Amino acid sequence: MAAGSSNYNRGEMNVKAQSGTFGGFMGMTKYGGALVALIVLMPTLVFAVGVSWFNALVISVVVGFLIGLALKFKAMWYVILVGLAFFVGIISFLLSLFGG
């Protein structure tokens, strides 16, 4: 076979690009999974459990902070979490005003 003349030396390949890609993929998986969990949590609390919109929002934000602490997320996670909570709070308030 090809065992005779090979220039391959085990463990000497530069894998910096591959490790960077893998690190980015794992980071996006962590942040994306946490965000999906929070997106599913709030409507579940509202529609399945019967919690009010505001209480479900507060619970979701607290769970988001706990997820961020447990997974050691960067400060941008908390900024995005508070921004999304503010946005969802305004939308929920407007829906409750016009929806009755």
PDB file of N, CA and C in Angstrom:
ATOM      1  N   MET A   1       0.829  -1.170   0.000  1.00  0.00           N
ATOM      2  CA  MET A   1       0.000   0.000   0.000  1.00  0.00           C
ATOM      3  C   MET A   1       0.883   1.246   0.000  1.00  0.00           C
ATOM      4  N   ALA A   2       0.523   2.257   0.755  1.00  0.00           N
ATOM      5  CA  ALA A   2       1.263   3.512   0.735  1.00  0.00           C
ATOM      6  C   ALA A   2       2.140   3.661   1.957  1.00  0.00           C
ATOM      7  N   ALA A   3       2.594   2.593   2.532  1.00  0.00           N
ATOM      8  CA  ALA A   3       3.362   2.654   3.764  1.00  0.00           C
ATOM      9  C   ALA A   3       4.819   3.016   3.519  1.00  0.00           C
ATOM     10  N   GLY A   4       5.297   2.931   2.327  1.00  0.00           N
ATOM     11  CA  GLY A   4       6.714   3.117   2.050  1.00  0.00           C
ATOM     12  C   GLY A   4       7.188   4.552   2.075  1.00  0.00           C
ATOM     13  N   SER A   5       6.736   5.406   1.185  1.00  0.00           N
ATOM     14  CA  SER A   5       7.300   6.747   1.049  1.00  0.00           C
ATOM     15  C   SER A   5       6.232   7.803   1.338  1.00  0.00           C
ATOM     16  N   SER A   6       6.151   8.230   2.583  1.00  0.00           N
ATOM     17  CA  SER A   6       5.184   9.248   2.980  1.00  0.00           C
ATOM     18  C   SER A   6       5.906  10.340   3.755  1.00  0.00           C
ATOM     19  N   ASN A   7       5.535  11.589   3.499  1.00  0.00           N
ATOM     20  CA  ASN A   7       6.122  12.726   4.202  1.00  0.00           C
ATOM     21  C   ASN A   7       5.313  13.124   5.438  1.00  0.00           C
ATOM     22  N   TYR A   8       4.333  12.352   5.780  1.00  0.00           N
ATOM     23  CA  TYR A   8       3.442  12.663   6.903  1.00  0.00           C
ATOM     24  C   TYR A   8       4.142  12.371   8.222  1.00  0.00           C
ATOM     25  N   ASN A   9       4.094  13.353   9.122  1.00  0.00           N
ATOM     26  CA  ASN A   9       4.609  13.191  10.477  1.00  0.00           C
ATOM     27  C   ASN A   9       3.461  13.437  11.439  1.00  0.00           C
ATOM     28  N   ARG A  10       3.146  12.446  12.207  1.00  0.00           N
ATOM     29  CA  ARG A  10       1.994  12.515  13.106  1.00  0.00           C
ATOM     30  C   ARG A  10       2.152  13.642  14.127  1.00  0.00           C
ATOM     31  N   GLY A  11       1.069  14.458  14.275  1.00  0.00           N
ATOM     32  CA  GLY A  11       1.042  15.509  15.279  1.00  0.00           C
ATOM     33  C   GLY A  11       1.681  16.818  14.874  1.00  0.00           C
ATOM     34  N   GLU A  12       2.051  17.006  13.625  1.00  0.00           N
ATOM     35  CA  GLU A  12       2.721  18.227  13.201  1.00  0.00           C
ATOM     36  C   GLU A  12       1.862  19.113  12.298  1.00  0.00           C
ATOM     37  N   MET A  13       0.596  18.790  12.129  1.00  0.00           N
ATOM     38  CA  MET A  13      -0.268  19.589  11.270  1.00  0.00           C
ATOM     39  C   MET A  13      -0.762  20.827  12.022  1.00  0.00           C
ATOM     40  N   ASN A  14      -0.801  21.963  11.342  1.00  0.00           N
ATOM     41  CA  ASN A  14      -1.312  23.193  11.939  1.00  0.00           C
ATOM     42  C   ASN A  14      -2.841  23.127  11.956  1.00  0.00           C
ATOM     43  N   VAL A  15      -3.426  23.123  13.135  1.00  0.00           N
ATOM     44  CA  VAL A  15      -4.878  22.986  13.263  1.00  0.00           C
ATOM     45  C   VAL A  15      -5.499  24.237  13.881  1.00  0.00           C
ATOM     46  N   LYS A  16      -4.833  25.381  13.762  1.00  0.00           N
ATOM     47  CA  LYS A  16      -5.347  26.600  14.369  1.00  0.00           C
ATOM     48  C   LYS A  16      -6.692  27.005  13.762  1.00  0.00           C
ATOM     49  N   ALA A  17      -6.828  26.917  12.447  1.00  0.00           N
ATOM     50  CA  ALA A  17      -8.082  27.293  11.792  1.00  0.00           C
ATOM     51  C   ALA A  17      -9.210  26.338  12.194  1.00  0.00           C
ATOM     52  N   GLN A  18      -8.920  25.058  12.257  1.00  0.00           N
ATOM     53  CA  GLN A  18      -9.949  24.092  12.623  1.00  0.00           C
ATOM     54  C   GLN A  18     -10.394  24.276  14.077  1.00  0.00           C
ATOM     55  N   SER A  19      -9.453  24.540  14.977  1.00  0.00           N
ATOM     56  CA  SER A  19      -9.823  24.720  16.379  1.00  0.00           C
ATOM     57  C   SER A  19     -10.610  26.021  16.569  1.00  0.00           C
ATOM     58  N   GLY A  20     -10.294  27.039  15.792  1.00  0.00           N
ATOM     59  CA  GLY A  20     -11.066  28.279  15.849  1.00  0.00           C
ATOM     60  C   GLY A  20     -12.488  28.083  15.353  1.00  0.00           C
ATOM     61  N   THR A  21     -12.638  27.326  14.278  1.00  0.00           N
ATOM     62  CA  THR A  21     -13.973  27.032  13.752  1.00  0.00           C
ATOM     63  C   THR A  21     -14.773  26.214  14.751  1.00  0.00           C
ATOM     64  N   PHE A  22     -14.149  25.223  15.349  1.00  0.00           N
ATOM     65  CA  PHE A  22     -14.843  24.393  16.333  1.00  0.00           C
ATOM     66  C   PHE A  22     -15.242  25.207  17.556  1.00  0.00           C
ATOM     67  N   GLY A  23     -14.366  26.090  18.011  1.00  0.00           N
ATOM     68  CA  GLY A  23     -14.683  26.948  19.150  1.00  0.00           C
ATOM     69  C   GLY A  23     -15.859  27.871  18.848  1.00  0.00           C
ATOM     70  N   GLY A  24     -15.892  28.429  17.647  1.00  0.00           N
ATOM     71  CA  GLY A  24     -17.012  29.275  17.245  1.00  0.00           C
ATOM     72  C   GLY A  24     -18.312  28.501  17.166  1.00  0.00           C
ATOM     73  N   PHE A  25     -18.249  27.300  16.624  1.00  0.00           N
ATOM     74  CA  PHE A  25     -19.441  26.459  16.535  1.00  0.00           C
ATOM     75  C   PHE A  25     -19.966  26.106  17.923  1.00  0.00           C
ATOM     76  N   MET A  26     -19.085  25.750  18.827  1.00  0.00           N
ATOM     77  CA  MET A  26     -19.516  25.396  20.180  1.00  0.00           C
ATOM     78  C   MET A  26     -20.099  26.606  20.912  1.00  0.00           C
ATOM     79  N   GLY A  27     -19.509  27.782  20.699  1.00  0.00           N
ATOM     80  CA  GLY A  27     -20.033  28.993  21.319  1.00  0.00           C
ATOM     81  C   GLY A  27     -21.431  29.322  20.807  1.00  0.00           C
ATOM     82  N   MET A  28     -21.618  29.239  19.490  1.00  0.00           N
ATOM     83  CA  MET A  28     -22.932  29.509  18.919  1.00  0.00           C
ATOM     84  C   MET A  28     -23.954  28.474  19.376  1.00  0.00           C
ATOM     85  N   THR A  29     -23.516  27.246  19.565  1.00  0.00           N
ATOM     86  CA  THR A  29     -24.418  26.204  20.041  1.00  0.00           C
ATOM     87  C   THR A  29     -24.866  26.495  21.473  1.00  0.00           C
ATOM     88  N   LYS A  30     -23.935  26.934  22.322  1.00  0.00           N
ATOM     89  CA  LYS A  30     -24.286  27.261  23.704  1.00  0.00           C
ATOM     90  C   LYS A  30     -25.257  28.431  23.764  1.00  0.00           C
ATOM     91  N   TYR A  31     -24.900  29.525  23.105  1.00  0.00           N
ATOM     92  CA  TYR A  31     -25.738  30.714  23.146  1.00  0.00           C
ATOM     93  C   TYR A  31     -27.078  30.464  22.453  1.00  0.00           C
ATOM     94  N   GLY A  32     -27.058  29.791  21.320  1.00  0.00           N
ATOM     95  CA  GLY A  32     -28.293  29.501  20.593  1.00  0.00           C
ATOM     96  C   GLY A  32     -29.218  28.583  21.365  1.00  0.00           C
ATOM     97  N   GLY A  33     -28.653  27.557  21.980  1.00  0.00           N
ATOM     98  CA  GLY A  33     -29.464  26.637  22.772  1.00  0.00           C
ATOM     99  C   GLY A  33     -30.099  27.319  23.978  1.00  0.00           C
ATOM    100  N   ALA A  34     -29.340  28.182  24.629  1.00  0.00           N
ATOM    101  CA  ALA A  34     -29.887  28.913  25.779  1.00  0.00           C
ATOM    102  C   ALA A  34     -30.990  29.861  25.337  1.00  0.00           C
ATOM    103  N   LEU A  35     -30.801  30.513  24.199  1.00  0.00           N
ATOM    104  CA  LEU A  35     -31.816  31.428  23.697  1.00  0.00           C
ATOM    105  C   LEU A  35     -33.090  30.687  23.297  1.00  0.00           C
ATOM    106  N   VAL A  36     -32.941  29.546  22.657  1.00  0.00           N
ATOM    107  CA  VAL A  36     -34.117  28.746  22.292  1.00  0.00           C
ATOM    108  C   VAL A  36     -34.846  28.272  23.542  1.00  0.00           C
ATOM    109  N   ALA A  37     -34.110  27.881  24.560  1.00  0.00           N
ATOM    110  CA  ALA A  37     -34.747  27.449  25.811  1.00  0.00           C
ATOM    111  C   ALA A  37     -35.572  28.576  26.420  1.00  0.00           C
ATOM    112  N   LEU A  38     -35.062  29.801  26.393  1.00  0.00           N
ATOM    113  CA  LEU A  38     -35.810  30.932  26.945  1.00  0.00           C
ATOM    114  C   LEU A  38     -36.997  31.299  26.069  1.00  0.00           C
ATOM    115  N   ILE A  39     -36.830  31.180  24.758  1.00  0.00           N
ATOM    116  CA  ILE A  39     -37.938  31.476  23.842  1.00  0.00           C
ATOM    117  C   ILE A  39     -39.075  30.479  24.046  1.00  0.00           C
ATOM    118  N   VAL A  40     -38.750  29.240  24.363  1.00  0.00           N
ATOM    119  CA  VAL A  40     -39.782  28.228  24.604  1.00  0.00           C
ATOM    120  C   VAL A  40     -40.359  28.369  26.017  1.00  0.00           C
ATOM    121  N   LEU A  41     -39.550  28.803  26.970  1.00  0.00           N
ATOM    122  CA  LEU A  41     -39.988  28.884  28.362  1.00  0.00           C
ATOM    123  C   LEU A  41     -41.124  29.874  28.574  1.00  0.00           C
ATOM    124  N   MET A  42     -40.993  31.082  28.031  1.00  0.00           N
ATOM    125  CA  MET A  42     -41.994  32.102  28.314  1.00  0.00           C
ATOM    126  C   MET A  42     -43.380  31.736  27.777  1.00  0.00           C
ATOM    127  N   PRO A  43     -43.539  31.354  26.507  1.00  0.00           N
ATOM    128  CA  PRO A  43     -44.886  30.963  26.060  1.00  0.00           C
ATOM    129  C   PRO A  43     -45.426  29.733  26.784  1.00  0.00           C
ATOM    130  N   THR A  44     -44.537  28.835  27.186  1.00  0.00           N
ATOM    131  CA  THR A  44     -44.983  27.667  27.940  1.00  0.00           C
ATOM    132  C   THR A  44     -45.567  28.092  29.279  1.00  0.00           C
ATOM    133  N   LEU A  45     -44.912  29.022  29.940  1.00  0.00           N
ATOM    134  CA  LEU A  45     -45.436  29.518  31.216  1.00  0.00           C
ATOM    135  C   LEU A  45     -46.766  30.238  31.034  1.00  0.00           C
ATOM    136  N   VAL A  46     -46.885  30.993  29.943  1.00  0.00           N
ATOM    137  CA  VAL A  46     -48.104  31.769  29.730  1.00  0.00           C
ATOM    138  C   VAL A  46     -49.265  30.876  29.314  1.00  0.00           C
ATOM    139  N   PHE A  47     -49.061  30.053  28.298  1.00  0.00           N
ATOM    140  CA  PHE A  47     -50.172  29.311  27.718  1.00  0.00           C
ATOM    141  C   PHE A  47     -50.435  27.962  28.386  1.00  0.00           C
ATOM    142  N   ALA A  48     -49.423  27.272  28.830  1.00  0.00           N
ATOM    143  CA  ALA A  48     -49.626  25.943  29.415  1.00  0.00           C
ATOM    144  C   ALA A  48     -49.845  26.005  30.925  1.00  0.00           C
ATOM    145  N   VAL A  49     -49.127  26.893  31.599  1.00  0.00           N
ATOM    146  CA  VAL A  49     -49.208  26.947  33.056  1.00  0.00           C
ATOM    147  C   VAL A  49     -50.230  27.989  33.511  1.00  0.00           C
ATOM    148  N   GLY A  50     -50.444  29.024  32.707  1.00  0.00           N
ATOM    149  CA  GLY A  50     -51.410  30.052  33.056  1.00  0.00           C
ATOM    150  C   GLY A  50     -50.838  31.207  33.851  1.00  0.00           C
ATOM    151  N   VAL A  51     -49.534  31.409  33.783  1.00  0.00           N
ATOM    152  CA  VAL A  51     -48.875  32.524  34.468  1.00  0.00           C
ATOM    153  C   VAL A  51     -49.109  33.791  33.638  1.00  0.00           C
ATOM    154  N   SER A  52     -49.205  34.940  34.290  1.00  0.00           N
ATOM    155  CA  SER A  52     -49.392  36.196  33.557  1.00  0.00           C
ATOM    156  C   SER A  52     -48.143  36.514  32.723  1.00  0.00           C
ATOM    157  N   TRP A  53     -48.336  37.399  31.734  1.00  0.00           N
ATOM    158  CA  TRP A  53     -47.226  37.746  30.840  1.00  0.00           C
ATOM    159  C   TRP A  53     -46.041  38.328  31.618  1.00  0.00           C
ATOM    160  N   PHE A  54     -46.329  39.241  32.518  1.00  0.00           N
ATOM    161  CA  PHE A  54     -45.244  39.897  33.250  1.00  0.00           C
ATOM    162  C   PHE A  54     -44.490  38.914  34.139  1.00  0.00           C
ATOM    163  N   ASN A  55     -45.210  38.071  34.861  1.00  0.00           N
ATOM    164  CA  ASN A  55     -44.548  37.093  35.731  1.00  0.00           C
ATOM    165  C   ASN A  55     -43.733  36.091  34.910  1.00  0.00           C
ATOM    166  N   ALA A  56     -44.256  35.683  33.750  1.00  0.00           N
ATOM    167  CA  ALA A  56     -43.514  34.770  32.885  1.00  0.00           C
ATOM    168  C   ALA A  56     -42.245  35.435  32.358  1.00  0.00           C
ATOM    169  N   LEU A  57     -42.333  36.728  32.066  1.00  0.00           N
ATOM    170  CA  LEU A  57     -41.152  37.464  31.597  1.00  0.00           C
ATOM    171  C   LEU A  57     -40.092  37.546  32.691  1.00  0.00           C
ATOM    172  N   VAL A  58     -40.513  37.835  33.903  1.00  0.00           N
ATOM    173  CA  VAL A  58     -39.570  37.919  35.029  1.00  0.00           C
ATOM    174  C   VAL A  58     -38.920  36.562  35.280  1.00  0.00           C
ATOM    175  N   ILE A  59     -39.719  35.502  35.263  1.00  0.00           N
ATOM    176  CA  ILE A  59     -39.168  34.153  35.466  1.00  0.00           C
ATOM    177  C   ILE A  59     -38.181  33.812  34.357  1.00  0.00           C
ATOM    178  N   SER A  60     -38.515  34.154  33.116  1.00  0.00           N
ATOM    179  CA  SER A  60     -37.624  33.860  31.990  1.00  0.00           C
ATOM    180  C   SER A  60     -36.300  34.616  32.101  1.00  0.00           C
ATOM    181  N   VAL A  61     -36.366  35.866  32.544  1.00  0.00           N
ATOM    182  CA  VAL A  61     -35.130  36.651  32.705  1.00  0.00           C
ATOM    183  C   VAL A  61     -34.276  36.069  33.825  1.00  0.00           C
ATOM    184  N   VAL A  62     -34.898  35.694  34.918  1.00  0.00           N
ATOM    185  CA  VAL A  62     -34.139  35.093  36.030  1.00  0.00           C
ATOM    186  C   VAL A  62     -33.494  33.781  35.576  1.00  0.00           C
ATOM    187  N   VAL A  63     -34.242  32.959  34.867  1.00  0.00           N
ATOM    188  CA  VAL A  63     -33.673  31.702  34.351  1.00  0.00           C
ATOM    189  C   VAL A  63     -32.544  32.004  33.366  1.00  0.00           C
ATOM    190  N   GLY A  64     -32.712  33.043  32.545  1.00  0.00           N
ATOM    191  CA  GLY A  64     -31.651  33.445  31.615  1.00  0.00           C
ATOM    192  C   GLY A  64     -30.381  33.859  32.332  1.00  0.00           C
ATOM    193  N   PHE A  65     -30.531  34.605  33.434  1.00  0.00           N
ATOM    194  CA  PHE A  65     -29.362  34.988  34.222  1.00  0.00           C
ATOM    195  C   PHE A  65     -28.701  33.757  34.848  1.00  0.00           C
ATOM    196  N   LEU A  66     -29.505  32.827  35.337  1.00  0.00           N
ATOM    197  CA  LEU A  66     -28.937  31.611  35.926  1.00  0.00           C
ATOM    198  C   LEU A  66     -28.221  30.761  34.882  1.00  0.00           C
ATOM    199  N   ILE A  67     -28.796  30.674  33.688  1.00  0.00           N
ATOM    200  CA  ILE A  67     -28.129  29.944  32.601  1.00  0.00           C
ATOM    201  C   ILE A  67     -26.807  30.621  32.267  1.00  0.00           C
ATOM    202  N   GLY A  68     -26.819  31.954  32.196  1.00  0.00           N
ATOM    203  CA  GLY A  68     -25.592  32.695  31.901  1.00  0.00           C
ATOM    204  C   GLY A  68     -24.508  32.473  32.943  1.00  0.00           C
ATOM    205  N   LEU A  69     -24.907  32.431  34.203  1.00  0.00           N
ATOM    206  CA  LEU A  69     -23.932  32.173  35.262  1.00  0.00           C
ATOM    207  C   LEU A  69     -23.421  30.739  35.215  1.00  0.00           C
ATOM    208  N   ALA A  70     -24.330  29.786  34.970  1.00  0.00           N
ATOM    209  CA  ALA A  70     -23.930  28.380  34.956  1.00  0.00           C
ATOM    210  C   ALA A  70     -23.000  28.063  33.790  1.00  0.00           C
ATOM    211  N   LEU A  71     -23.252  28.688  32.634  1.00  0.00           N
ATOM    212  CA  LEU A  71     -22.431  28.398  31.452  1.00  0.00           C
ATOM    213  C   LEU A  71     -21.309  29.413  31.249  1.00  0.00           C
ATOM    214  N   LYS A  72     -21.166  30.351  32.189  1.00  0.00           N
ATOM    215  CA  LYS A  72     -20.094  31.351  32.173  1.00  0.00           C
ATOM    216  C   LYS A  72     -20.099  32.170  30.879  1.00  0.00           C
ATOM    217  N   PHE A  73     -21.299  32.709  30.546  1.00  0.00           N
ATOM    218  CA  PHE A  73     -21.426  33.535  29.355  1.00  0.00           C
ATOM    219  C   PHE A  73     -20.781  34.891  29.584  1.00  0.00           C
ATOM    220  N   LYS A  74     -20.458  35.551  28.481  1.00  0.00           N
ATOM    221  CA  LYS A  74     -19.855  36.878  28.548  1.00  0.00           C
ATOM    222  C   LYS A  74     -20.924  37.918  28.857  1.00  0.00           C
ATOM    223  N   ALA A  75     -20.490  39.139  29.111  1.00  0.00           N
ATOM    224  CA  ALA A  75     -21.404  40.219  29.512  1.00  0.00           C
ATOM    225  C   ALA A  75     -22.428  40.528  28.426  1.00  0.00           C
ATOM    226  N   MET A  76     -22.105  40.284  27.175  1.00  0.00           N
ATOM    227  CA  MET A  76     -23.038  40.574  26.089  1.00  0.00           C
ATOM    228  C   MET A  76     -24.319  39.744  26.216  1.00  0.00           C
ATOM    229  N   TRP A  77     -24.236  38.550  26.799  1.00  0.00           N
ATOM    230  CA  TRP A  77     -25.431  37.729  27.015  1.00  0.00           C
ATOM    231  C   TRP A  77     -26.440  38.476  27.887  1.00  0.00           C
ATOM    232  N   TYR A  78     -25.949  39.099  28.942  1.00  0.00           N
ATOM    233  CA  TYR A  78     -26.824  39.799  29.875  1.00  0.00           C
ATOM    234  C   TYR A  78     -27.399  41.065  29.243  1.00  0.00           C
ATOM    235  N   VAL A  79     -26.608  41.739  28.423  1.00  0.00           N
ATOM    236  CA  VAL A  79     -27.093  42.929  27.721  1.00  0.00           C
ATOM    237  C   VAL A  79     -28.206  42.538  26.758  1.00  0.00           C
ATOM    238  N   ILE A  80     -27.990  41.483  25.991  1.00  0.00           N
ATOM    239  CA  ILE A  80     -29.004  41.011  25.053  1.00  0.00           C
ATOM    240  C   ILE A  80     -30.238  40.526  25.802  1.00  0.00           C
ATOM    241  N   LEU A  81     -30.046  39.845  26.899  1.00  0.00           N
ATOM    242  CA  LEU A  81     -31.165  39.327  27.692  1.00  0.00           C
ATOM    243  C   LEU A  81     -32.039  40.461  28.212  1.00  0.00           C
ATOM    244  N   VAL A  82     -31.435  41.506  28.749  1.00  0.00           N
ATOM    245  CA  VAL A  82     -32.203  42.642  29.262  1.00  0.00           C
ATOM    246  C   VAL A  82     -32.876  43.387  28.110  1.00  0.00           C
ATOM    247  N   GLY A  83     -32.178  43.553  26.998  1.00  0.00           N
ATOM    248  CA  GLY A  83     -32.769  44.217  25.837  1.00  0.00           C
ATOM    249  C   GLY A  83     -33.968  43.463  25.292  1.00  0.00           C
ATOM    250  N   LEU A  84     -33.845  42.148  25.174  1.00  0.00           N
ATOM    251  CA  LEU A  84     -34.972  41.344  24.706  1.00  0.00           C
ATOM    252  C   LEU A  84     -36.127  41.368  25.707  1.00  0.00           C
ATOM    253  N   ALA A  85     -35.813  41.367  26.991  1.00  0.00           N
ATOM    254  CA  ALA A  85     -36.869  41.430  28.007  1.00  0.00           C
ATOM    255  C   ALA A  85     -37.618  42.758  27.909  1.00  0.00           C
ATOM    256  N   PHE A  86     -36.890  43.841  27.687  1.00  0.00           N
ATOM    257  CA  PHE A  86     -37.529  45.150  27.524  1.00  0.00           C
ATOM    258  C   PHE A  86     -38.426  45.151  26.297  1.00  0.00           C
ATOM    259  N   PHE A  87     -37.938  44.628  25.199  1.00  0.00           N
ATOM    260  CA  PHE A  87     -38.699  44.562  23.952  1.00  0.00           C
ATOM    261  C   PHE A  87     -39.954  43.703  24.123  1.00  0.00           C
ATOM    262  N   VAL A  88     -39.808  42.526  24.700  1.00  0.00           N
ATOM    263  CA  VAL A  88     -40.953  41.632  24.909  1.00  0.00           C
ATOM    264  C   VAL A  88     -41.938  42.247  25.895  1.00  0.00           C
ATOM    265  N   GLY A  89     -41.443  42.949  26.898  1.00  0.00           N
ATOM    266  CA  GLY A  89     -42.323  43.619  27.849  1.00  0.00           C
ATOM    267  C   GLY A  89     -43.181  44.680  27.179  1.00  0.00           C
ATOM    268  N   ILE A  90     -42.587  45.476  26.291  1.00  0.00           N
ATOM    269  CA  ILE A  90     -43.349  46.496  25.571  1.00  0.00           C
ATOM    270  C   ILE A  90     -44.387  45.849  24.662  1.00  0.00           C
ATOM    271  N   ILE A  91     -43.985  44.826  23.917  1.00  0.00           N
ATOM    272  CA  ILE A  91     -44.911  44.133  23.023  1.00  0.00           C
ATOM    273  C   ILE A  91     -46.048  43.487  23.820  1.00  0.00           C
ATOM    274  N   SER A  92     -45.723  42.856  24.927  1.00  0.00           N
ATOM    275  CA  SER A  92     -46.747  42.216  25.761  1.00  0.00           C
ATOM    276  C   SER A  92     -47.711  43.251  26.338  1.00  0.00           C
ATOM    277  N   PHE A  93     -47.187  44.394  26.748  1.00  0.00           N
ATOM    278  CA  PHE A  93     -48.038  45.448  27.283  1.00  0.00           C
ATOM    279  C   PHE A  93     -48.984  45.972  26.214  1.00  0.00           C
ATOM    280  N   LEU A  94     -48.465  46.203  25.009  1.00  0.00           N
ATOM    281  CA  LEU A  94     -49.313  46.680  23.917  1.00  0.00           C
ATOM    282  C   LEU A  94     -50.363  45.653  23.535  1.00  0.00           C
ATOM    283  N   LEU A  95     -49.987  44.392  23.514  1.00  0.00           N
ATOM    284  CA  LEU A  95     -50.960  43.352  23.196  1.00  0.00           C
ATOM    285  C   LEU A  95     -52.056  43.270  24.257  1.00  0.00           C
ATOM    286  N   SER A  96     -51.685  43.442  25.507  1.00  0.00           N
ATOM    287  CA  SER A  96     -52.697  43.375  26.563  1.00  0.00           C
ATOM    288  C   SER A  96     -53.603  44.615  26.517  1.00  0.00           C
ATOM    289  N   LEU A  97     -53.076  45.759  26.083  1.00  0.00           N
ATOM    290  CA  LEU A  97     -53.906  46.956  25.943  1.00  0.00           C
ATOM    291  C   LEU A  97     -54.938  46.794  24.830  1.00  0.00           C
ATOM    292  N   PHE A  98     -54.466  46.367  23.672  1.00  0.00           N
ATOM    293  CA  PHE A  98     -55.340  46.286  22.509  1.00  0.00           C
ATOM    294  C   PHE A  98     -56.120  44.974  22.450  1.00  0.00           C
ATOM    295  N   GLY A  99     -55.643  43.947  23.115  1.00  0.00           N
ATOM    296  CA  GLY A  99     -56.309  42.652  23.079  1.00  0.00           C
ATOM    297  C   GLY A  99     -57.417  42.524  24.109  1.00  0.00           C
ATOM    298  N   GLY A 100     -57.372  43.342  25.103  1.00  0.00           N
ATOM    299  CA  GLY A 100     -58.424  43.295  26.114  1.00  0.00           C
ATOM    300  C   GLY A 100     -58.017  42.457  27.217  1.00  0.00           C
TER     301      GLY A 100
END
